[in-house]
Amino acid sequence: MKSKLIKLMALGAIAVFSATASAETLRVGMECTYAPFNYKTADGELAGYDVDVAKGVGKIIGADLEYICQDWDGMIPALLANKFDLVIASMSITEKRLKKIDFSGPYRFSTGQIVGAKKTKVNLFDDAGNPIAANFKGLKVGLERATTYSSWFEEELPGADVVLYDGSEPLYLDLMNGRVDLIMTNPMKAHLKFLSKTEGTKYEFKGPVVDEEKYFGIGVGIGLRQGQEALKGRLNVALKELINSGELETYAKKIFPFKLHKDEWGQ
């Protein structure tokens, strides 16, 4: 009986060792310098939204992750050269990139949102999230030139009084000086650069996030080499689970007071 037990324990140990030895390892490329999405802490540890997404996906699909820091310009060439297996680096899904690599579904969306002074009482959007053109009359809106935000205003609110700027710094400066009543920009950048700072305490978001794909694209996804449909399917299942469980929102709210994804993709 004792010898049988020893044999069973030995077989069990072999099975555990074999499972561990055969565990899948996926190499993940990211910049490691793009705070707050992927960066190294003072202790040299990788942190940020992209890193949390990578860890969450790896846990769900049962893969160990090895992180490889890569300059942005060489990210796609390095993926194609098999330097790593995945790109989880806030890389936007674009038609140009899709000609070279494949992507999972989006785990973060590119959006715009209007910012104004708390004392400026306005009702700019209806219940369906559509802009109310009449309510923009009499308001000056600051926008960065040649951006998705200026394109959105040009097509959706052609009668709005728009002031164009060549960068974000004068945009915020003129908002604080009262030269414009509102600005439209990326809500993540607005929170990090302005609203969370002392000078931004008297300002707030005015209305919902604007995220029409026509202007802002599909969003940010996990990059992988073309032809890996099985892996892509596993990544998508994992991302949907992170959305539906609320984990993806938890990752975002470590940094921002709002989530960074649409719920519909995870249904």
C-alpha atoms as a PDB file:
ATOM      1  CA  MET A   1       0.000   0.000   0.000  1.00  0.00           C
ATOM      2  CA  LYS A   2       2.838   2.322   0.961  1.00  0.00           C
ATOM      3  CA  SER A   3       4.660   1.647  -2.322  1.00  0.00           C
ATOM      4  CA  LYS A   4       1.476   2.388  -4.292  1.00  0.00           C
ATOM      5  CA  LEU A   5       1.080   5.686  -2.452  1.00  0.00           C
ATOM      6  CA  ILE A   6       4.676   6.630  -3.181  1.00  0.00           C
ATOM      7  CA  LYS A   7       4.174   5.794  -6.853  1.00  0.00           C
ATOM      8  CA  LEU A   8       0.972   7.890  -6.981  1.00  0.00           C
ATOM      9  CA  MET A   9       2.758  10.817  -5.333  1.00  0.00           C
ATOM     10  CA  ALA A  10       5.619  10.483  -7.789  1.00  0.00           C
ATOM     11  CA  LEU A  11       3.232  10.396 -10.742  1.00  0.00           C
ATOM     12  CA  GLY A  12       1.436  13.435  -9.357  1.00  0.00           C
ATOM     13  CA  ALA A  13       4.689  15.309  -9.014  1.00  0.00           C
ATOM     14  CA  ILE A  14       5.626  14.439 -12.597  1.00  0.00           C
ATOM     15  CA  ALA A  15       2.231  15.624 -13.808  1.00  0.00           C
ATOM     16  CA  VAL A  16       2.569  18.944 -11.975  1.00  0.00           C
ATOM     17  CA  PHE A  17       6.122  19.376 -13.278  1.00  0.00           C
ATOM     18  CA  SER A  18       5.031  18.576 -16.822  1.00  0.00           C
ATOM     19  CA  ALA A  19       2.136  21.046 -16.654  1.00  0.00           C
ATOM     20  CA  THR A  20       4.442  23.737 -15.293  1.00  0.00           C
ATOM     21  CA  ALA A  21       7.150  22.983 -17.832  1.00  0.00           C
ATOM     22  CA  SER A  22       4.675  23.166 -20.709  1.00  0.00           C
ATOM     23  CA  ALA A  23       2.983  26.392 -19.556  1.00  0.00           C
ATOM     24  CA  GLU A  24       2.661  28.825 -22.454  1.00  0.00           C
ATOM     25  CA  THR A  25       4.854  31.918 -22.365  1.00  0.00           C
ATOM     26  CA  LEU A  26       3.884  34.957 -24.409  1.00  0.00           C
ATOM     27  CA  ARG A  27       6.327  37.785 -24.947  1.00  0.00           C
ATOM     28  CA  VAL A  28       4.722  41.213 -24.717  1.00  0.00           C
ATOM     29  CA  GLY A  29       6.207  44.298 -26.354  1.00  0.00           C
ATOM     30  CA  MET A  30       5.560  47.757 -24.910  1.00  0.00           C
ATOM     31  CA  GLU A  31       7.402  51.083 -24.665  1.00  0.00           C
ATOM     32  CA  CYS A  32       7.786  50.995 -20.868  1.00  0.00           C
ATOM     33  CA  THR A  33       8.018  54.811 -20.908  1.00  0.00           C
ATOM     34  CA  TYR A  34       4.428  55.794 -21.765  1.00  0.00           C
ATOM     35  CA  ALA A  35       2.903  56.796 -18.419  1.00  0.00           C
ATOM     36  CA  PRO A  36       0.256  56.256 -17.208  1.00  0.00           C
ATOM     37  CA  PHE A  37      -0.324  53.354 -19.613  1.00  0.00           C
ATOM     38  CA  ASN A  38       2.966  51.439 -19.531  1.00  0.00           C
ATOM     39  CA  TYR A  39       5.996  52.650 -17.597  1.00  0.00           C
ATOM     40  CA  LYS A  40       8.547  51.658 -14.970  1.00  0.00           C
ATOM     41  CA  THR A  41       8.130  52.740 -11.359  1.00  0.00           C
ATOM     42  CA  ALA A  42      10.992  54.052  -9.223  1.00  0.00           C
ATOM     43  CA  ASP A  43      11.556  50.435  -8.191  1.00  0.00           C
ATOM     44  CA  GLY A  44      11.909  49.336 -11.800  1.00  0.00           C
ATOM     45  CA  GLU A  45       8.558  47.526 -11.855  1.00  0.00           C
ATOM     46  CA  LEU A  46       6.288  47.799 -14.881  1.00  0.00           C
ATOM     47  CA  ALA A  47       2.966  49.481 -14.153  1.00  0.00           C
ATOM     48  CA  GLY A  48       0.042  51.186 -15.879  1.00  0.00           C
ATOM     49  CA  TYR A  49      -3.213  50.432 -17.631  1.00  0.00           C
ATOM     50  CA  ASP A  50      -1.633  48.413 -20.465  1.00  0.00           C
ATOM     51  CA  VAL A  51       0.327  46.339 -17.952  1.00  0.00           C
ATOM     52  CA  ASP A  52      -2.832  45.582 -15.957  1.00  0.00           C
ATOM     53  CA  VAL A  53      -4.599  44.557 -19.179  1.00  0.00           C
ATOM     54  CA  ALA A  54      -1.691  42.274 -20.107  1.00  0.00           C
ATOM     55  CA  LYS A  55      -1.705  40.617 -16.685  1.00  0.00           C
ATOM     56  CA  GLY A  56      -5.479  40.202 -16.733  1.00  0.00           C
ATOM     57  CA  VAL A  57      -5.467  38.631 -20.182  1.00  0.00           C
ATOM     58  CA  GLY A  58      -2.522  36.383 -19.326  1.00  0.00           C
ATOM     59  CA  LYS A  59      -4.266  35.084 -16.217  1.00  0.00           C
ATOM     60  CA  ILE A  60      -7.483  34.282 -18.094  1.00  0.00           C
ATOM     61  CA  ILE A  61      -5.810  32.451 -20.980  1.00  0.00           C
ATOM     62  CA  GLY A  62      -3.336  30.711 -18.658  1.00  0.00           C
ATOM     63  CA  ALA A  63      -0.158  32.155 -20.123  1.00  0.00           C
ATOM     64  CA  ASP A  64       3.006  33.402 -18.454  1.00  0.00           C
ATOM     65  CA  LEU A  65       4.100  36.808 -19.717  1.00  0.00           C
ATOM     66  CA  GLU A  66       7.569  38.082 -20.520  1.00  0.00           C
ATOM     67  CA  TYR A  67       7.784  41.834 -21.057  1.00  0.00           C
ATOM     68  CA  ILE A  68      10.124  43.351 -23.634  1.00  0.00           C
ATOM     69  CA  CYS A  69      10.666  47.119 -23.779  1.00  0.00           C
ATOM     70  CA  GLN A  70      10.747  48.460 -27.318  1.00  0.00           C
ATOM     71  CA  ASP A  71      10.991  51.931 -28.874  1.00  0.00           C
ATOM     72  CA  TRP A  72       7.701  52.915 -30.471  1.00  0.00           C
ATOM     73  CA  ASP A  73       9.044  53.371 -34.002  1.00  0.00           C
ATOM     74  CA  GLY A  74      10.301  49.795 -34.051  1.00  0.00           C
ATOM     75  CA  MET A  75       7.283  48.185 -32.404  1.00  0.00           C
ATOM     76  CA  ILE A  76       5.657  46.651 -35.497  1.00  0.00           C
ATOM     77  CA  PRO A  77       8.957  45.624 -37.173  1.00  0.00           C
ATOM     78  CA  ALA A  78       9.985  43.907 -33.914  1.00  0.00           C
ATOM     79  CA  LEU A  79       6.664  42.046 -33.728  1.00  0.00           C
ATOM     80  CA  LEU A  80       7.041  40.907 -37.335  1.00  0.00           C
ATOM     81  CA  ALA A  81      10.639  39.832 -36.630  1.00  0.00           C
ATOM     82  CA  ASN A  82       9.346  37.590 -33.803  1.00  0.00           C
ATOM     83  CA  LYS A  83      11.056  39.621 -31.079  1.00  0.00           C
ATOM     84  CA  PHE A  84       7.797  39.282 -29.146  1.00  0.00           C
ATOM     85  CA  ASP A  85       4.333  37.772 -29.656  1.00  0.00           C
ATOM     86  CA  LEU A  86       1.983  40.589 -28.657  1.00  0.00           C
ATOM     87  CA  VAL A  87       1.976  44.366 -28.583  1.00  0.00           C
ATOM     88  CA  ILE A  88       0.100  45.732 -25.574  1.00  0.00           C
ATOM     89  CA  ALA A  89       1.167  49.346 -25.764  1.00  0.00           C
ATOM     90  CA  SER A  90      -1.883  51.573 -26.370  1.00  0.00           C
ATOM     91  CA  MET A  91      -1.565  50.943 -30.107  1.00  0.00           C
ATOM     92  CA  SER A  92      -4.551  52.263 -32.061  1.00  0.00           C
ATOM     93  CA  ILE A  93      -6.228  49.981 -34.575  1.00  0.00           C
ATOM     94  CA  THR A  94      -5.885  51.641 -37.988  1.00  0.00           C
ATOM     95  CA  GLU A  95      -6.376  50.526 -41.568  1.00  0.00           C
ATOM     96  CA  LYS A  96      -2.690  51.180 -42.277  1.00  0.00           C
ATOM     97  CA  ARG A  97      -1.537  48.944 -39.423  1.00  0.00           C
ATOM     98  CA  LEU A  98      -4.050  46.233 -40.302  1.00  0.00           C
ATOM     99  CA  LYS A  99      -2.223  45.794 -43.603  1.00  0.00           C
ATOM    100  CA  LYS A 100       0.819  44.548 -41.658  1.00  0.00           C
ATOM    101  CA  ILE A 101      -0.473  43.054 -38.390  1.00  0.00           C
ATOM    102  CA  ASP A 102      -3.697  41.886 -36.759  1.00  0.00           C
ATOM    103  CA  PHE A 103      -5.458  43.164 -33.650  1.00  0.00           C
ATOM    104  CA  SER A 104      -7.737  41.917 -30.931  1.00  0.00           C
ATOM    105  CA  GLY A 105     -10.909  43.841 -30.280  1.00  0.00           C
ATOM    106  CA  PRO A 106     -10.406  47.191 -28.528  1.00  0.00           C
ATOM    107  CA  TYR A 107      -9.685  47.480 -24.828  1.00  0.00           C
ATOM    108  CA  ARG A 108      -9.512  51.286 -24.827  1.00  0.00           C
ATOM    109  CA  PHE A 109     -11.270  53.847 -26.972  1.00  0.00           C
ATOM    110  CA  SER A 110     -10.163  57.170 -28.407  1.00  0.00           C
ATOM    111  CA  THR A 111     -12.712  59.808 -27.459  1.00  0.00           C
ATOM    112  CA  GLY A 112     -13.340  63.507 -27.071  1.00  0.00           C
ATOM    113  CA  GLN A 113     -15.118  65.501 -24.377  1.00  0.00           C
ATOM    114  CA  ILE A 114     -15.965  69.126 -23.785  1.00  0.00           C
ATOM    115  CA  VAL A 115     -14.476  70.993 -20.820  1.00  0.00           C
ATOM    116  CA  GLY A 116     -15.704  74.277 -19.372  1.00  0.00           C
ATOM    117  CA  ALA A 117     -15.893  76.300 -16.178  1.00  0.00           C
ATOM    118  CA  LYS A 118     -18.191  74.963 -13.466  1.00  0.00           C
ATOM    119  CA  LYS A 119     -19.901  78.351 -13.370  1.00  0.00           C
ATOM    120  CA  THR A 120     -20.798  78.036 -17.074  1.00  0.00           C
ATOM    121  CA  LYS A 121     -24.249  76.428 -16.976  1.00  0.00           C
ATOM    122  CA  VAL A 122     -24.972  74.785 -20.323  1.00  0.00           C
ATOM    123  CA  ASN A 123     -26.992  71.892 -21.705  1.00  0.00           C
ATOM    124  CA  LEU A 124     -25.077  70.926 -24.838  1.00  0.00           C
ATOM    125  CA  PHE A 125     -26.360  67.401 -25.552  1.00  0.00           C
ATOM    126  CA  ASP A 126     -29.751  65.699 -25.602  1.00  0.00           C
ATOM    127  CA  ASP A 127     -30.579  62.477 -23.751  1.00  0.00           C
ATOM    128  CA  ALA A 128     -29.341  60.408 -26.700  1.00  0.00           C
ATOM    129  CA  GLY A 129     -25.926  62.095 -26.585  1.00  0.00           C
ATOM    130  CA  ASN A 130     -26.446  64.220 -29.691  1.00  0.00           C
ATOM    131  CA  PRO A 131     -25.205  67.827 -29.668  1.00  0.00           C
ATOM    132  CA  ILE A 132     -27.873  70.548 -29.481  1.00  0.00           C
ATOM    133  CA  ALA A 133     -26.664  73.080 -32.050  1.00  0.00           C
ATOM    134  CA  ALA A 134     -28.804  75.941 -30.733  1.00  0.00           C
ATOM    135  CA  ASN A 135     -27.241  75.642 -27.268  1.00  0.00           C
ATOM    136  CA  PHE A 136     -23.756  76.254 -28.643  1.00  0.00           C
ATOM    137  CA  LYS A 137     -24.740  79.712 -29.919  1.00  0.00           C
ATOM    138  CA  GLY A 138     -22.973  82.516 -28.114  1.00  0.00           C
ATOM    139  CA  LEU A 139     -20.204  80.188 -26.898  1.00  0.00           C
ATOM    140  CA  LYS A 140     -16.626  80.222 -28.145  1.00  0.00           C
ATOM    141  CA  VAL A 141     -15.089  76.753 -28.419  1.00  0.00           C
ATOM    142  CA  GLY A 142     -11.340  76.210 -28.461  1.00  0.00           C
ATOM    143  CA  LEU A 143      -9.962  73.291 -30.486  1.00  0.00           C
ATOM    144  CA  GLU A 144      -6.545  72.090 -31.597  1.00  0.00           C
ATOM    145  CA  ARG A 145      -6.119  72.562 -35.309  1.00  0.00           C
ATOM    146  CA  ALA A 146      -6.301  69.545 -37.680  1.00  0.00           C
ATOM    147  CA  THR A 147      -7.526  67.109 -35.006  1.00  0.00           C
ATOM    148  CA  THR A 148     -10.434  64.692 -34.741  1.00  0.00           C
ATOM    149  CA  TYR A 149     -12.075  67.242 -32.456  1.00  0.00           C
ATOM    150  CA  SER A 150     -11.956  69.998 -35.061  1.00  0.00           C
ATOM    151  CA  SER A 151     -13.249  67.548 -37.694  1.00  0.00           C
ATOM    152  CA  TRP A 152     -16.153  66.592 -35.416  1.00  0.00           C
ATOM    153  CA  PHE A 153     -17.136  70.234 -34.900  1.00  0.00           C
ATOM    154  CA  GLU A 154     -16.756  71.036 -38.583  1.00  0.00           C
ATOM    155  CA  GLU A 155     -19.207  68.302 -39.593  1.00  0.00           C
ATOM    156  CA  GLU A 156     -21.528  68.035 -36.601  1.00  0.00           C
ATOM    157  CA  LEU A 157     -21.705  71.702 -35.533  1.00  0.00           C
ATOM    158  CA  PRO A 158     -20.704  73.767 -38.580  1.00  0.00           C
ATOM    159  CA  GLY A 159     -22.311  76.913 -37.147  1.00  0.00           C
ATOM    160  CA  ALA A 160     -20.365  76.866 -33.876  1.00  0.00           C
ATOM    161  CA  ASP A 161     -17.978  79.709 -33.040  1.00  0.00           C
ATOM    162  CA  VAL A 162     -14.680  77.825 -33.129  1.00  0.00           C
ATOM    163  CA  VAL A 163     -11.215  79.132 -32.251  1.00  0.00           C
ATOM    164  CA  LEU A 164      -8.338  76.976 -33.541  1.00  0.00           C
ATOM    165  CA  TYR A 165      -4.995  76.520 -31.761  1.00  0.00           C
ATOM    166  CA  ASP A 166      -1.671  74.982 -32.738  1.00  0.00           C
ATOM    167  CA  GLY A 167      -1.201  73.153 -29.432  1.00  0.00           C
ATOM    168  CA  SER A 168      -2.856  72.208 -26.159  1.00  0.00           C
ATOM    169  CA  GLU A 169      -1.062  74.720 -23.891  1.00  0.00           C
ATOM    170  CA  PRO A 170      -2.665  77.865 -25.391  1.00  0.00           C
ATOM    171  CA  LEU A 171      -5.963  75.979 -25.461  1.00  0.00           C
ATOM    172  CA  TYR A 172      -6.023  75.601 -21.671  1.00  0.00           C
ATOM    173  CA  LEU A 173      -4.557  79.065 -21.122  1.00  0.00           C
ATOM    174  CA  ASP A 174      -7.309  80.771 -23.109  1.00  0.00           C
ATOM    175  CA  LEU A 175      -9.967  78.723 -21.322  1.00  0.00           C
ATOM    176  CA  MET A 176      -8.644  79.960 -17.967  1.00  0.00           C
ATOM    177  CA  ASN A 177      -8.355  83.541 -19.254  1.00  0.00           C
ATOM    178  CA  GLY A 178     -11.929  83.496 -20.540  1.00  0.00           C
ATOM    179  CA  ARG A 179     -11.019  83.965 -24.206  1.00  0.00           C
ATOM    180  CA  VAL A 180     -12.988  80.790 -24.964  1.00  0.00           C
ATOM    181  CA  ASP A 181     -15.925  79.343 -23.030  1.00  0.00           C
ATOM    182  CA  LEU A 182     -15.322  75.675 -23.816  1.00  0.00           C
ATOM    183  CA  ILE A 183     -12.664  73.398 -25.227  1.00  0.00           C
ATOM    184  CA  MET A 184     -12.879  69.880 -26.638  1.00  0.00           C
ATOM    185  CA  THR A 185     -10.018  67.440 -26.167  1.00  0.00           C
ATOM    186  CA  ASN A 186      -9.132  63.911 -25.062  1.00  0.00           C
ATOM    187  CA  PRO A 187     -10.712  63.338 -21.608  1.00  0.00           C
ATOM    188  CA  MET A 188      -7.746  61.298 -20.373  1.00  0.00           C
ATOM    189  CA  LYS A 189      -5.312  64.090 -21.221  1.00  0.00           C
ATOM    190  CA  ALA A 190      -7.710  66.716 -19.844  1.00  0.00           C
ATOM    191  CA  HIS A 191      -7.881  64.894 -16.516  1.00  0.00           C
ATOM    192  CA  LEU A 192      -4.123  64.303 -16.216  1.00  0.00           C
ATOM    193  CA  LYS A 193      -2.936  67.688 -17.480  1.00  0.00           C
ATOM    194  CA  PHE A 194      -5.628  70.008 -16.192  1.00  0.00           C
ATOM    195  CA  LEU A 195      -8.676  68.875 -14.234  1.00  0.00           C
ATOM    196  CA  SER A 196      -6.667  66.980 -11.604  1.00  0.00           C
ATOM    197  CA  LYS A 197      -4.346  69.977 -11.072  1.00  0.00           C
ATOM    198  CA  THR A 198      -4.879  73.004  -8.825  1.00  0.00           C
ATOM    199  CA  GLU A 199      -5.560  75.286 -11.799  1.00  0.00           C
ATOM    200  CA  GLY A 200      -8.285  72.945 -13.031  1.00  0.00           C
ATOM    201  CA  THR A 201     -10.419  72.765  -9.888  1.00  0.00           C
ATOM    202  CA  LYS A 202     -12.911  75.326 -11.213  1.00  0.00           C
ATOM    203  CA  TYR A 203     -13.492  73.347 -14.420  1.00  0.00           C
ATOM    204  CA  GLU A 204     -15.351  70.169 -15.351  1.00  0.00           C
ATOM    205  CA  PHE A 205     -16.520  67.991 -18.235  1.00  0.00           C
ATOM    206  CA  LYS A 206     -19.596  69.332 -19.970  1.00  0.00           C
ATOM    207  CA  GLY A 207     -21.677  66.554 -21.468  1.00  0.00           C
ATOM    208  CA  PRO A 208     -20.925  62.955 -22.399  1.00  0.00           C
ATOM    209  CA  VAL A 209     -17.925  61.368 -24.066  1.00  0.00           C
ATOM    210  CA  VAL A 210     -18.025  61.697 -27.859  1.00  0.00           C
ATOM    211  CA  ASP A 211     -16.774  58.525 -29.483  1.00  0.00           C
ATOM    212  CA  GLU A 212     -18.164  58.145 -32.997  1.00  0.00           C
ATOM    213  CA  GLU A 213     -15.989  55.689 -34.866  1.00  0.00           C
ATOM    214  CA  LYS A 214     -16.197  57.873 -37.972  1.00  0.00           C
ATOM    215  CA  TYR A 215     -14.044  60.478 -36.250  1.00  0.00           C
ATOM    216  CA  PHE A 216     -12.232  58.714 -33.430  1.00  0.00           C
ATOM    217  CA  GLY A 217     -11.562  55.278 -34.911  1.00  0.00           C
ATOM    218  CA  ILE A 218     -12.079  51.812 -33.445  1.00  0.00           C
ATOM    219  CA  GLY A 219      -9.775  52.212 -30.461  1.00  0.00           C
ATOM    220  CA  VAL A 220      -6.701  50.552 -28.973  1.00  0.00           C
ATOM    221  CA  GLY A 221      -6.169  46.788 -29.275  1.00  0.00           C
ATOM    222  CA  ILE A 222      -3.616  44.042 -28.707  1.00  0.00           C
ATOM    223  CA  GLY A 223      -1.369  43.664 -31.748  1.00  0.00           C
ATOM    224  CA  LEU A 224      -0.312  40.244 -33.034  1.00  0.00           C
ATOM    225  CA  ARG A 225       1.044  38.734 -36.224  1.00  0.00           C
ATOM    226  CA  GLN A 226      -1.438  37.933 -38.970  1.00  0.00           C
ATOM    227  CA  GLY A 227      -2.753  34.398 -39.319  1.00  0.00           C
ATOM    228  CA  GLN A 228      -2.948  33.648 -35.594  1.00  0.00           C
ATOM    229  CA  GLU A 229      -6.707  33.289 -35.426  1.00  0.00           C
ATOM    230  CA  ALA A 230      -6.757  30.878 -32.471  1.00  0.00           C
ATOM    231  CA  LEU A 231      -4.654  33.215 -30.339  1.00  0.00           C
ATOM    232  CA  LYS A 232      -6.715  36.210 -31.430  1.00  0.00           C
ATOM    233  CA  GLY A 233      -9.888  34.385 -30.418  1.00  0.00           C
ATOM    234  CA  ARG A 234      -8.482  33.628 -26.961  1.00  0.00           C
ATOM    235  CA  LEU A 235      -7.449  37.261 -26.516  1.00  0.00           C
ATOM    236  CA  ASN A 236     -10.924  38.459 -27.449  1.00  0.00           C
ATOM    237  CA  VAL A 237     -12.596  36.045 -25.039  1.00  0.00           C
ATOM    238  CA  ALA A 238     -10.287  37.279 -22.272  1.00  0.00           C
ATOM    239  CA  LEU A 239     -10.934  40.952 -23.016  1.00  0.00           C
ATOM    240  CA  LYS A 240     -14.677  40.411 -23.025  1.00  0.00           C
ATOM    241  CA  GLU A 241     -14.400  38.673 -19.666  1.00  0.00           C
ATOM    242  CA  LEU A 242     -12.409  41.612 -18.279  1.00  0.00           C
ATOM    243  CA  ILE A 243     -15.133  43.984 -19.489  1.00  0.00           C
ATOM    244  CA  ASN A 244     -18.067  41.943 -18.230  1.00  0.00           C
ATOM    245  CA  SER A 245     -16.470  41.280 -14.832  1.00  0.00           C
ATOM    246  CA  GLY A 246     -15.728  44.963 -14.276  1.00  0.00           C
ATOM    247  CA  GLU A 247     -11.972  44.373 -14.088  1.00  0.00           C
ATOM    248  CA  LEU A 248     -11.206  46.589 -17.071  1.00  0.00           C
ATOM    249  CA  GLU A 249     -13.053  49.468 -15.422  1.00  0.00           C
ATOM    250  CA  THR A 250     -11.095  48.820 -12.211  1.00  0.00           C
ATOM    251  CA  TYR A 251      -7.806  49.153 -14.124  1.00  0.00           C
ATOM    252  CA  ALA A 252      -8.912  52.511 -15.558  1.00  0.00           C
ATOM    253  CA  LYS A 253     -10.078  53.898 -12.219  1.00  0.00           C
ATOM    254  CA  LYS A 254      -6.653  53.405 -10.696  1.00  0.00           C
ATOM    255  CA  ILE A 255      -5.711  56.410 -12.846  1.00  0.00           C
ATOM    256  CA  PHE A 256      -8.876  58.154 -14.050  1.00  0.00           C
ATOM    257  CA  PRO A 257     -12.297  58.821 -12.498  1.00  0.00           C
ATOM    258  CA  PHE A 258     -13.932  57.127 -15.487  1.00  0.00           C
ATOM    259  CA  LYS A 259     -13.656  53.951 -17.549  1.00  0.00           C
ATOM    260  CA  LEU A 260     -11.844  53.856 -20.875  1.00  0.00           C
ATOM    261  CA  HIS A 261     -13.935  51.342 -22.833  1.00  0.00           C
ATOM    262  CA  LYS A 262     -17.382  50.717 -24.231  1.00  0.00           C
ATOM    263  CA  ASP A 263     -19.484  48.027 -22.591  1.00  0.00           C
ATOM    264  CA  GLU A 264     -21.163  46.960 -25.833  1.00  0.00           C
ATOM    265  CA  TRP A 265     -18.056  45.194 -27.174  1.00  0.00           C
ATOM    266  CA  GLY A 266     -18.096  42.820 -24.206  1.00  0.00           C
ATOM    267  CA  GLN A 267     -21.655  41.615 -24.550  1.00  0.00           C
END
